[in-house]
């Protein structure tokens, strides 16, 4: 009888540890968060960033080493180089919402999984800040150009890094199809949910 209770306790403890590990490993944008009840400048742009996060999550989910190395021709970037570029774009997006100056960051020592996680976290942080704001003019893009700060208004964020990152997510999807590992067709970009 005591042995059964002990075994049962060990099973429950193991399941709790596994569940905690799963929750810790969850990345944002498996699905798009519920939409805001109000339409304002912050909630609309946050939804754009959420849409980018969802697309990126599924464009990069389950990529293999051969997918990351793929490039359609000698003049193109590899899939991993494209992912690195998207990470850089998300740095510009999140830095704008944090009012931080953009500077070069070296991610060469990072694994694909680390870069993927950082990209998704950048997008989630930016979207959460945007969602709670009703004044986008305070989120300038700031670059350090040889010691001189150059600023751009938030308008450039929309047609620049946000749209550029969406464009490159499409490239990742196209490249992975070409390398024999298609995008999960159950991930609906229209609903932001995964169909059963």
Foldseek 3Di string as FASTA:
>chain_A
DVVVVVVVVVVVVVVVVVVVVVVVPDAPQCFQDDQDPDDAQLSVVLVLLSLLLNLLCQLPPPDDPLQQQDDPDPVGDGLVVLLVVLLLLLCQLLCLLVVHEDDDDDCPVPDPSRSSRSSRVSSVNSSVSSNPDRDQQSRWRWYQDPNDIDTDGCVCNVVPSSVVSSVSSVVSQVSCVVSPHHGDPQCDSVRRHGHD
